[in-house]
Amino acid sequence: MSAELGESAPHIPAGRSGDQRRPYTDTRDLTPFRKAVVRTPVRGLAGNVGGVVTGLIAGRAPGTLVAEGGVPRLGKVGGGRAAGKTAKAVHAAIFGSTDPDPLITLARTYPGWAGLCYLMAGLLAYAHGGHLRASELLQHGLSLRNDAAANRYASVYLAGVVTRVEVAERIEVPVLFSEEAVFLALSHSLRETGHAEAALAALAGLPPSLPLALARCSLAAELGRDVDVVADTEGLLNADDLAAALLLVRARSLRKLGAYSAARTALQEVLRRRKTDFTLRGDALTDRALLLLDAGRKTLGSREWQRRKPAEVEAVKAIRKDAEMHELWDREYGRAEED
């Protein structure tokens, strides 16, 4: 990539096409992911109300874990009467409680089911926004082994449990019960508690997918590893909102590296698809204005600024004012949106 006026060439390793890392390419026919949601205050309120109404219709108590198709009816569990009694108690705690404590009590009572109980308690705590407790419970659950009866129960009755995981700022993905659900929830919990390095390490070893790529690149960008972000997103196209969000991460990393032309190309790709969520399109427009502002600051020195025509000077001033207003809007209303 050649450097254009006002930009410096980024120090990005130029790998061969066969060596490109493509973490967003998922070759599985079936994945545990459902359609991503770009969270906004209005959608958050509507989603909460809709969730309560849907839960009441399905006979589910508000605040309990959500399962596709409603709470599964418990049948016979192999392993004898003791396993059936344990499964009945665990089933009631998973789908009938809004507090992780009953599951923790069952974990201590039935050691062979402890790993499963701690994991479900962690997902329940995560669903309620208890990130610190969720990270502790999930990590403890991952360190324990389950009995065969507990594994059979999980494969039959927990396959439809859905966890809404935040894979990047304002981007949530419903994930069916799986290793992706557990590790993505753990990673987000660690990130929220200030352990970005541990959050990134938690994602290692997961099957490749676009939600994983978005979570990993967002963390890498937060840690200042912009070169890795650029390498991991090379060749990405705007096929859906997850890809658009990942392209925004790529554009911001390129902007930090001084590769303004490549960053502009990534933002144009976000805006190319008309069905891209309006929030992501708005972010792309804001980033494009900031990109022009950065390029203007770099190219227009004091002497060159004086030699510019008045019309050009006024145009740059207008761009700067627009970008500053966008930044002010994000600071004032972005906080309210996060709350």
Protein backbone atom coordinates (compact mmCIF):
# COMPACT_ATOMS: atom_id res chain seq x y z
CA MET A 1 0.00 0.00 0.00
CA SER A 2 1.45 3.33 -1.01
CA ALA A 3 1.20 6.37 1.18
CA GLU A 4 -1.04 9.13 -0.11
CA LEU A 5 -0.84 12.80 0.74
CA GLY A 6 -1.36 13.26 4.44
CA GLU A 7 -0.80 9.63 5.46
CA SER A 8 2.10 7.40 6.29
CA ALA A 9 2.45 3.84 5.13
CA PRO A 10 1.40 1.41 7.90
CA HIS A 11 3.79 -1.26 9.11
CA ILE A 12 1.50 -4.17 8.31
CA PRO A 13 3.00 -7.56 7.40
CA ALA A 14 2.17 -8.29 3.77
CA GLY A 15 1.35 -11.98 3.85
CA ARG A 16 0.61 -14.10 0.80
CA SER A 17 -3.04 -14.74 -0.06
CA GLY A 18 -2.74 -18.33 1.10
CA ASP A 19 -1.38 -17.19 4.47
CA GLN A 20 -4.22 -14.81 5.32
CA ARG A 21 -5.92 -15.56 8.60
CA ARG A 22 -9.68 -15.71 8.14
CA PRO A 23 -11.23 -16.13 11.61
CA TYR A 24 -14.61 -15.00 10.28
CA THR A 25 -14.94 -17.99 7.93
CA ASP A 26 -17.15 -20.64 9.54
CA THR A 27 -17.32 -23.88 7.56
CA ARG A 28 -19.95 -25.55 9.75
CA ASP A 29 -23.42 -26.20 8.35
CA LEU A 30 -25.01 -25.52 11.72
CA THR A 31 -23.74 -23.05 14.29
CA PRO A 32 -25.07 -22.11 17.75
CA PHE A 33 -25.43 -18.46 16.75
CA ARG A 34 -28.67 -16.66 16.03
CA LYS A 35 -29.15 -13.27 14.35
CA ALA A 36 -27.09 -10.50 15.88
CA VAL A 37 -28.76 -7.44 17.40
CA VAL A 38 -27.34 -3.90 17.42
CA ARG A 39 -28.45 -2.63 20.81
CA THR A 40 -29.98 0.84 21.14
CA PRO A 41 -32.00 2.33 24.05
CA VAL A 42 -35.26 1.86 22.13
CA ARG A 43 -34.48 -1.71 21.10
CA GLY A 44 -33.30 -2.54 24.60
CA LEU A 45 -36.59 -1.37 26.11
CA ALA A 46 -38.64 -3.14 23.45
CA GLY A 47 -36.60 -6.32 23.87
CA ASN A 48 -37.07 -6.33 27.64
CA VAL A 49 -40.82 -5.84 27.35
CA GLY A 50 -41.07 -8.41 24.57
CA GLY A 51 -39.03 -10.89 26.59
CA VAL A 52 -41.31 -10.54 29.59
CA VAL A 53 -44.45 -11.00 27.47
CA THR A 54 -42.97 -14.00 25.63
CA GLY A 55 -41.87 -15.54 28.90
CA LEU A 56 -45.31 -15.18 30.45
CA ILE A 57 -46.96 -16.72 27.39
CA ALA A 58 -44.49 -19.63 27.47
CA GLY A 59 -45.06 -20.14 31.18
CA ARG A 60 -41.55 -18.98 32.09
CA ALA A 61 -40.90 -16.84 35.16
CA PRO A 62 -39.32 -13.43 34.35
CA GLY A 63 -35.56 -13.42 34.90
CA THR A 64 -35.02 -17.13 34.36
CA LEU A 65 -32.94 -18.64 31.58
CA VAL A 66 -34.48 -18.56 28.10
CA ALA A 67 -34.83 -21.68 25.94
CA GLU A 68 -35.94 -21.90 22.33
CA GLY A 69 -39.38 -23.45 22.19
CA GLY A 70 -39.98 -22.90 25.90
CA VAL A 71 -38.84 -24.87 28.93
CA PRO A 72 -38.25 -28.51 27.92
CA ARG A 73 -40.30 -31.14 29.73
CA LEU A 74 -38.10 -33.41 31.78
CA GLY A 75 -38.37 -37.09 30.84
CA LYS A 76 -36.50 -40.14 32.04
CA VAL A 77 -32.80 -39.64 32.63
CA GLY A 78 -30.54 -42.67 32.31
CA GLY A 79 -28.37 -43.73 35.20
CA GLY A 80 -30.93 -44.98 37.71
CA ARG A 81 -33.26 -43.44 40.26
CA ALA A 82 -30.53 -41.34 41.90
CA ALA A 83 -29.60 -39.70 38.60
CA GLY A 84 -33.28 -39.06 37.86
CA LYS A 85 -33.79 -37.41 41.25
CA THR A 86 -30.70 -35.25 40.77
CA ALA A 87 -31.77 -34.27 37.25
CA LYS A 88 -35.19 -33.22 38.53
CA ALA A 89 -33.64 -30.93 41.15
CA VAL A 90 -31.12 -29.45 38.71
CA HIS A 91 -33.80 -28.99 36.03
CA ALA A 92 -36.01 -27.04 38.43
CA ALA A 93 -33.11 -24.83 39.51
CA ILE A 94 -31.97 -24.09 35.94
CA PHE A 95 -35.35 -23.18 34.49
CA GLY A 96 -37.24 -22.03 37.57
CA SER A 97 -34.79 -19.85 39.48
CA THR A 98 -33.63 -16.27 38.95
CA ASP A 99 -30.75 -16.65 41.42
CA PRO A 100 -27.56 -18.71 40.94
CA ASP A 101 -27.48 -19.77 44.61
CA PRO A 102 -29.78 -22.83 44.28
CA LEU A 103 -27.52 -24.19 41.53
CA ILE A 104 -24.43 -23.59 43.69
CA THR A 105 -26.10 -25.50 46.53
CA LEU A 106 -26.87 -28.40 44.17
CA ALA A 107 -23.27 -28.37 42.95
CA ARG A 108 -22.08 -28.95 46.48
CA THR A 109 -24.72 -31.60 47.08
CA TYR A 110 -24.07 -33.57 43.89
CA PRO A 111 -20.33 -33.37 43.01
CA GLY A 112 -20.82 -35.29 39.75
CA TRP A 113 -23.09 -32.50 38.50
CA ALA A 114 -21.03 -29.64 39.97
CA GLY A 115 -19.41 -28.55 36.71
CA LEU A 116 -22.75 -28.26 34.92
CA CYS A 117 -24.39 -26.49 37.87
CA TYR A 118 -21.61 -23.89 38.11
CA LEU A 119 -21.71 -23.24 34.37
CA MET A 120 -25.47 -22.68 34.36
CA ALA A 121 -25.18 -20.53 37.49
CA GLY A 122 -22.54 -18.47 35.68
CA LEU A 123 -24.73 -18.03 32.59
CA LEU A 124 -27.64 -17.00 34.83
CA ALA A 125 -25.45 -14.45 36.62
CA TYR A 126 -24.22 -13.18 33.24
CA ALA A 127 -27.78 -12.79 31.97
CA HIS A 128 -28.48 -10.53 34.96
CA GLY A 129 -25.37 -8.41 34.37
CA GLY A 130 -23.33 -9.81 37.27
CA HIS A 131 -20.06 -9.95 35.34
CA LEU A 132 -17.71 -10.44 38.29
CA ARG A 133 -19.70 -13.32 39.73
CA ALA A 134 -20.31 -14.78 36.29
CA SER A 135 -16.59 -14.87 35.51
CA GLU A 136 -15.87 -16.65 38.79
CA LEU A 137 -18.66 -19.21 38.39
CA LEU A 138 -17.90 -19.95 34.73
CA GLN A 139 -14.18 -20.42 35.38
CA HIS A 140 -14.89 -22.73 38.30
CA GLY A 141 -17.39 -24.73 36.26
CA LEU A 142 -14.90 -25.18 33.42
CA SER A 143 -12.36 -26.62 35.86
CA LEU A 144 -14.69 -29.47 36.94
CA ARG A 145 -15.62 -32.74 35.22
CA ASN A 146 -19.20 -33.98 35.01
CA ASP A 147 -20.64 -37.45 35.41
CA ALA A 148 -21.97 -39.23 32.33
CA ALA A 149 -25.54 -38.63 33.54
CA ALA A 150 -24.93 -34.89 33.78
CA ASN A 151 -23.48 -34.81 30.26
CA ARG A 152 -26.46 -36.74 28.90
CA TYR A 153 -28.86 -34.36 30.61
CA ALA A 154 -27.05 -31.33 29.17
CA SER A 155 -27.06 -32.67 25.62
CA VAL A 156 -30.80 -33.45 25.72
CA TYR A 157 -32.33 -30.64 27.77
CA LEU A 158 -29.95 -27.69 27.55
CA ALA A 159 -29.36 -27.57 23.80
CA GLY A 160 -32.05 -24.90 23.40
CA VAL A 161 -30.88 -22.56 26.18
CA VAL A 162 -30.08 -19.15 24.67
CA THR A 163 -27.58 -16.66 26.08
CA ARG A 164 -27.43 -13.13 24.67
CA VAL A 165 -23.71 -12.41 24.59
CA GLU A 166 -22.19 -9.00 23.92
CA VAL A 167 -19.35 -9.69 21.47
CA ALA A 168 -18.52 -6.00 20.97
CA GLU A 169 -19.81 -2.66 22.16
CA ARG A 170 -23.60 -2.59 21.50
CA ILE A 171 -23.45 -5.82 19.44
CA GLU A 172 -25.26 -8.78 21.00
CA VAL A 173 -25.55 -12.29 19.59
CA PRO A 174 -27.96 -14.94 20.92
CA VAL A 175 -25.95 -18.15 21.35
CA LEU A 176 -27.29 -21.64 22.05
CA PHE A 177 -25.74 -23.55 24.94
CA SER A 178 -22.30 -24.57 23.72
CA GLU A 179 -18.65 -23.89 24.31
CA GLU A 180 -19.06 -20.68 22.32
CA ALA A 181 -21.80 -19.48 24.68
CA VAL A 182 -19.71 -20.24 27.76
CA PHE A 183 -16.40 -18.81 26.56
CA LEU A 184 -17.87 -15.73 24.88
CA ALA A 185 -19.83 -14.93 28.05
CA LEU A 186 -16.69 -15.53 30.12
CA SER A 187 -14.63 -13.30 27.82
CA HIS A 188 -17.17 -10.47 28.01
CA SER A 189 -17.38 -10.79 31.81
CA LEU A 190 -13.59 -10.60 32.10
CA ARG A 191 -13.54 -7.60 29.79
CA GLU A 192 -16.15 -5.80 31.88
CA THR A 193 -14.13 -6.42 35.04
CA GLY A 194 -10.96 -4.94 33.55
CA HIS A 195 -9.12 -8.12 32.50
CA ALA A 196 -8.76 -7.57 28.76
CA GLU A 197 -5.75 -9.89 28.35
CA ALA A 198 -7.55 -12.74 30.11
CA ALA A 199 -10.68 -12.01 28.07
CA LEU A 200 -8.69 -12.38 24.85
CA ALA A 201 -7.05 -15.59 26.09
CA ALA A 202 -10.49 -17.05 26.88
CA LEU A 203 -11.35 -16.98 23.16
CA ALA A 204 -8.38 -19.09 22.09
CA GLY A 205 -9.29 -22.46 20.65
CA LEU A 206 -12.92 -21.73 19.76
CA PRO A 207 -14.14 -22.76 16.28
CA PRO A 208 -13.81 -19.93 13.75
CA SER A 209 -16.87 -17.73 13.40
CA LEU A 210 -17.76 -14.12 12.72
CA PRO A 211 -18.98 -13.43 16.31
CA LEU A 212 -15.68 -14.82 17.60
CA ALA A 213 -13.72 -12.65 15.17
CA LEU A 214 -15.62 -9.54 16.26
CA ALA A 215 -15.05 -10.29 19.94
CA ARG A 216 -11.37 -11.04 19.42
CA CYS A 217 -10.63 -8.06 17.18
CA SER A 218 -12.48 -5.68 19.51
CA LEU A 219 -10.31 -6.86 22.39
CA ALA A 220 -7.14 -6.70 20.30
CA ALA A 221 -7.96 -3.11 19.30
CA GLU A 222 -8.60 -2.23 22.93
CA LEU A 223 -5.16 -3.63 23.79
CA GLY A 224 -3.50 -1.60 21.05
CA ARG A 225 -2.80 -4.56 18.74
CA ASP A 226 -4.01 -2.77 15.65
CA VAL A 227 -1.65 -4.60 13.29
CA ASP A 228 -3.22 -7.92 14.35
CA VAL A 229 -6.71 -6.50 13.78
CA VAL A 230 -5.81 -5.41 10.26
CA ALA A 231 -4.24 -8.78 9.43
CA ASP A 232 -7.22 -10.71 10.80
CA THR A 233 -9.78 -8.69 8.82
CA GLU A 234 -8.04 -8.57 5.45
CA GLY A 235 -10.49 -9.16 2.61
CA LEU A 236 -13.62 -8.84 4.77
CA LEU A 237 -16.81 -7.75 2.98
CA ASN A 238 -20.01 -6.30 4.42
CA ALA A 239 -22.29 -9.33 4.21
CA ASP A 240 -24.27 -8.63 7.41
CA ASP A 241 -24.27 -6.41 10.48
CA LEU A 242 -21.60 -8.48 12.25
CA ALA A 243 -19.27 -7.99 9.29
CA ALA A 244 -20.12 -4.27 9.22
CA ALA A 245 -19.25 -3.94 12.92
CA LEU A 246 -15.97 -5.77 12.31
CA LEU A 247 -15.19 -3.45 9.40
CA LEU A 248 -15.65 -0.49 11.74
CA VAL A 249 -13.08 -2.03 14.10
CA ARG A 250 -10.75 -2.52 11.14
CA ALA A 251 -11.20 1.08 9.96
CA ARG A 252 -10.40 2.47 13.42
CA SER A 253 -7.26 0.35 13.68
CA LEU A 254 -6.14 1.49 10.22
CA ARG A 255 -6.78 5.08 11.25
CA LYS A 256 -4.57 4.63 14.32
CA LEU A 257 -1.84 3.20 12.11
CA GLY A 258 -2.08 6.20 9.79
CA ALA A 259 -3.43 4.19 6.84
CA TYR A 260 -6.15 6.66 5.96
CA SER A 261 -6.78 5.38 2.44
CA ALA A 262 -7.36 1.80 3.62
CA ALA A 263 -9.51 3.05 6.52
CA ARG A 264 -11.62 5.05 4.08
CA THR A 265 -12.08 1.93 1.93
CA ALA A 266 -13.28 -0.07 4.97
CA LEU A 267 -15.81 2.64 5.86
CA GLN A 268 -17.08 2.77 2.29
CA GLU A 269 -17.66 -0.98 2.50
CA VAL A 270 -19.76 -0.47 5.64
CA LEU A 271 -21.88 2.10 3.79
CA ARG A 272 -22.12 0.07 0.58
CA ARG A 273 -24.81 -2.35 1.83
CA ARG A 274 -28.07 -0.46 2.18
CA LYS A 275 -29.53 -2.88 4.72
CA THR A 276 -26.72 -2.24 7.18
CA ASP A 277 -28.13 -1.21 10.55
CA PHE A 278 -28.63 2.55 10.77
CA THR A 279 -26.56 2.74 13.96
CA LEU A 280 -23.55 1.17 12.24
CA ARG A 281 -24.02 3.42 9.22
CA GLY A 282 -24.09 6.43 11.53
CA ASP A 283 -20.87 5.27 13.18
CA ALA A 284 -19.27 4.87 9.75
CA LEU A 285 -20.26 8.42 8.75
CA THR A 286 -18.85 9.79 12.01
CA ASP A 287 -15.61 7.85 11.57
CA ARG A 288 -15.31 9.09 8.01
CA ALA A 289 -15.61 12.69 9.19
CA LEU A 290 -12.97 12.08 11.87
CA LEU A 291 -10.76 10.46 9.26
CA LEU A 292 -10.97 13.56 7.07
CA LEU A 293 -10.23 15.68 10.11
CA ASP A 294 -7.09 13.68 10.92
CA ALA A 295 -5.92 13.84 7.31
CA GLY A 296 -6.52 17.60 7.28
CA ARG A 297 -4.56 18.11 10.48
CA LYS A 298 -1.64 16.15 9.06
CA THR A 299 -1.51 17.82 5.66
CA LEU A 300 -2.34 21.41 6.54
CA GLY A 301 0.61 22.93 8.32
CA SER A 302 0.57 26.57 9.40
CA ARG A 303 2.27 27.87 6.25
CA GLU A 304 0.34 25.64 3.86
CA TRP A 305 -2.87 26.62 5.58
CA GLN A 306 -2.18 30.27 4.79
CA ARG A 307 -1.66 29.44 1.10
CA ARG A 308 -5.03 27.68 0.79
CA LYS A 309 -7.93 29.35 -0.95
CA PRO A 310 -10.66 30.72 1.38
CA ALA A 311 -13.21 28.21 0.02
CA GLU A 312 -10.92 25.28 0.86
CA VAL A 313 -10.22 26.65 4.31
CA GLU A 314 -13.95 27.03 5.01
CA ALA A 315 -14.59 23.46 3.80
CA VAL A 316 -11.99 22.05 6.19
CA LYS A 317 -13.39 24.14 9.03
CA ALA A 318 -16.86 22.78 8.32
CA ILE A 319 -15.54 19.20 8.40
CA ARG A 320 -13.78 19.85 11.69
CA LYS A 321 -16.88 21.42 13.24
CA ASP A 322 -19.05 18.50 12.10
CA ALA A 323 -16.59 15.96 13.52
CA GLU A 324 -16.37 17.82 16.82
CA MET A 325 -20.18 17.89 17.08
CA HIS A 326 -20.29 14.14 16.46
CA GLU A 327 -17.71 13.57 19.20
CA LEU A 328 -19.69 15.78 21.59
CA TRP A 329 -22.90 13.88 20.76
CA ASP A 330 -21.18 10.53 21.41
CA ARG A 331 -19.84 11.72 24.76
CA GLU A 332 -23.17 13.10 25.94
CA TYR A 333 -25.66 10.56 24.60
CA GLY A 334 -23.43 7.53 24.25
CA ARG A 335 -23.17 7.29 28.03
CA ALA A 336 -26.93 7.40 28.40
CA GLU A 337 -27.22 4.64 25.81
CA GLU A 338 -24.78 2.42 27.70
CA ASP A 339 -26.74 2.90 30.90
